């Protein structure tokens, strides 16, 4: 099992989603936990690289989800990131789309069922 971490990027009462690099699936910023960084700090770095988001990450996990890709299994720890700045230009802006959505819209757009549950729980919305 490969360990990753990701963030729920919070902007007021909304959140920011991005598309996966090779598909139009809506996801959260995530990636492998970098050596020398905590899972939360590593996830915040991914949000900066993948979505141009800068903010304060909370180190208390709000959930975890699993998925399969290329025949491998991944476990993703999810942390809230409270956005302070959204850059107009960022590393992966030509590889991904970025969208600000309500929690209800995120629930409809997100690809992973377990991630939908984490987002609804975090924002306190019913299914």
Protein backbone atom coordinates (compact mmCIF):
# COMPACT_ATOMS: atom_id res chain seq x y z
CA UNK A 1 0.00 0.00 0.00
CA UNK A 2 1.41 3.38 -1.05
CA UNK A 3 0.86 6.26 1.36
CA UNK A 4 -0.29 9.62 0.08
CA UNK A 5 -1.75 12.74 1.62
CA UNK A 6 -4.17 15.32 0.29
CA UNK A 7 -6.10 18.40 1.32
CA UNK A 8 -9.65 19.63 1.30
CA UNK A 9 -8.89 23.19 0.14
CA UNK A 10 -11.36 25.44 1.99
CA UNK A 11 -12.21 28.94 0.75
CA UNK A 12 -14.84 30.50 3.02
CA UNK A 13 -17.71 27.98 2.91
CA UNK A 14 -16.63 26.50 -0.43
CA UNK A 15 -13.78 24.32 -1.63
CA UNK A 16 -11.43 24.10 -4.57
CA UNK A 17 -11.30 20.99 -6.74
CA UNK A 18 -8.85 20.15 -9.52
CA UNK A 19 -8.91 17.66 -12.35
CA UNK A 20 -6.63 14.64 -12.45
CA UNK A 21 -3.69 15.06 -14.81
CA UNK A 22 -4.73 12.46 -17.36
CA UNK A 23 -8.53 12.60 -17.08
CA UNK A 24 -11.39 14.97 -16.43
CA UNK A 25 -12.13 13.41 -13.05
CA UNK A 26 -12.51 15.94 -10.23
CA UNK A 27 -10.23 15.28 -7.27
CA UNK A 28 -8.45 17.06 -4.41
CA UNK A 29 -4.75 17.99 -4.47
CA UNK A 30 -2.78 14.96 -3.24
CA UNK A 31 0.48 13.11 -3.69
CA UNK A 32 3.11 10.95 -2.08
CA UNK A 33 4.25 12.05 1.37
CA UNK A 34 7.62 13.71 0.79
CA UNK A 35 10.59 12.69 2.88
CA UNK A 36 11.25 15.18 5.67
CA UNK A 37 7.69 16.55 5.61
CA UNK A 38 4.69 15.58 7.72
CA UNK A 39 1.74 14.18 5.74
CA UNK A 40 -0.16 17.47 6.30
CA UNK A 41 2.76 19.67 5.17
CA UNK A 42 3.38 17.42 2.17
CA UNK A 43 -0.30 17.72 1.20
CA UNK A 44 -0.11 21.52 1.50
CA UNK A 45 2.88 21.46 -0.87
CA UNK A 46 0.83 19.43 -3.38
CA UNK A 47 -1.97 22.03 -3.16
CA UNK A 48 0.58 24.72 -4.04
CA UNK A 49 2.04 22.76 -7.00
CA UNK A 50 -1.19 21.27 -8.39
CA UNK A 51 -3.66 24.10 -7.73
CA UNK A 52 -1.71 27.26 -6.84
CA UNK A 53 -3.16 27.32 -3.32
CA UNK A 54 -1.40 28.78 -0.28
CA UNK A 55 -2.83 28.62 3.21
CA UNK A 56 -2.78 27.08 6.65
CA UNK A 57 -2.99 23.30 6.82
CA UNK A 58 -4.41 21.66 9.93
CA UNK A 59 -2.46 18.65 11.12
CA UNK A 60 -5.49 16.74 12.34
CA UNK A 61 -6.65 14.27 9.69
CA UNK A 62 -10.33 14.56 8.65
CA UNK A 63 -10.42 11.17 6.97
CA UNK A 64 -8.71 8.62 4.79
CA UNK A 65 -9.66 6.98 1.51
CA UNK A 66 -8.21 4.24 -0.66
CA UNK A 67 -8.03 3.74 -4.40
CA UNK A 68 -6.35 1.57 -7.03
CA UNK A 69 -4.29 2.80 -9.96
CA UNK A 70 -1.92 0.93 -12.28
CA UNK A 71 -2.64 -2.25 -10.29
CA UNK A 72 -1.34 -0.64 -7.08
CA UNK A 73 -3.22 0.28 -3.91
CA UNK A 74 -3.03 3.76 -2.39
CA UNK A 75 -4.16 5.12 0.99
CA UNK A 76 -4.68 8.89 1.17
CA UNK A 77 -4.77 10.82 4.47
CA UNK A 78 -6.88 13.98 4.09
CA UNK A 79 -6.29 17.27 5.92
CA UNK A 80 -8.10 20.62 5.74
CA UNK A 81 -6.22 23.51 4.12
CA UNK A 82 -7.65 26.96 4.79
CA UNK A 83 -6.77 29.01 1.71
CA UNK A 84 -5.20 32.44 2.13
CA UNK A 85 -4.01 32.97 -1.45
CA UNK A 86 -4.98 31.56 -4.85
CA UNK A 87 -2.23 32.17 -7.37
CA UNK A 88 -3.11 33.22 -10.92
CA UNK A 89 -0.23 31.11 -12.22
CA UNK A 90 1.14 27.86 -10.76
CA UNK A 91 3.29 24.84 -11.66
CA UNK A 92 0.57 22.56 -13.07
CA UNK A 93 -1.89 25.14 -14.42
CA UNK A 94 -1.55 23.80 -17.97
CA UNK A 95 -2.15 20.20 -16.83
CA UNK A 96 -5.25 20.67 -14.68
CA UNK A 97 -8.46 22.63 -14.34
CA UNK A 98 -9.33 24.31 -11.03
CA UNK A 99 -12.85 25.07 -9.85
CA UNK A 100 -14.34 26.71 -6.73
CA UNK A 101 -17.49 24.83 -5.73
CA UNK A 102 -19.98 24.49 -2.89
CA UNK A 103 -19.75 21.34 -0.75
CA UNK A 104 -22.92 20.05 -2.47
CA UNK A 105 -21.39 20.61 -5.94
CA UNK A 106 -18.18 18.89 -4.78
CA UNK A 107 -20.25 15.90 -3.67
CA UNK A 108 -21.69 15.64 -7.20
CA UNK A 109 -18.36 16.20 -8.99
CA UNK A 110 -15.92 14.11 -6.94
CA UNK A 111 -14.99 10.75 -8.38
CA UNK A 112 -14.16 8.73 -5.25
CA UNK A 113 -17.11 7.67 -3.07
CA UNK A 114 -15.01 7.57 0.13
CA UNK A 115 -13.75 11.10 -0.59
CA UNK A 116 -17.36 12.30 -1.05
CA UNK A 117 -18.11 10.96 2.44
CA UNK A 118 -15.08 12.76 3.92
CA UNK A 119 -16.05 16.07 2.27
CA UNK A 120 -19.72 15.82 3.36
CA UNK A 121 -18.65 14.96 6.91
CA UNK A 122 -16.20 17.86 7.03
CA UNK A 123 -18.79 20.39 5.83
CA UNK A 124 -21.63 18.78 7.78
CA UNK A 125 -23.88 18.11 4.80
CA UNK A 126 -26.25 15.17 4.58
CA UNK A 127 -26.13 12.69 1.74
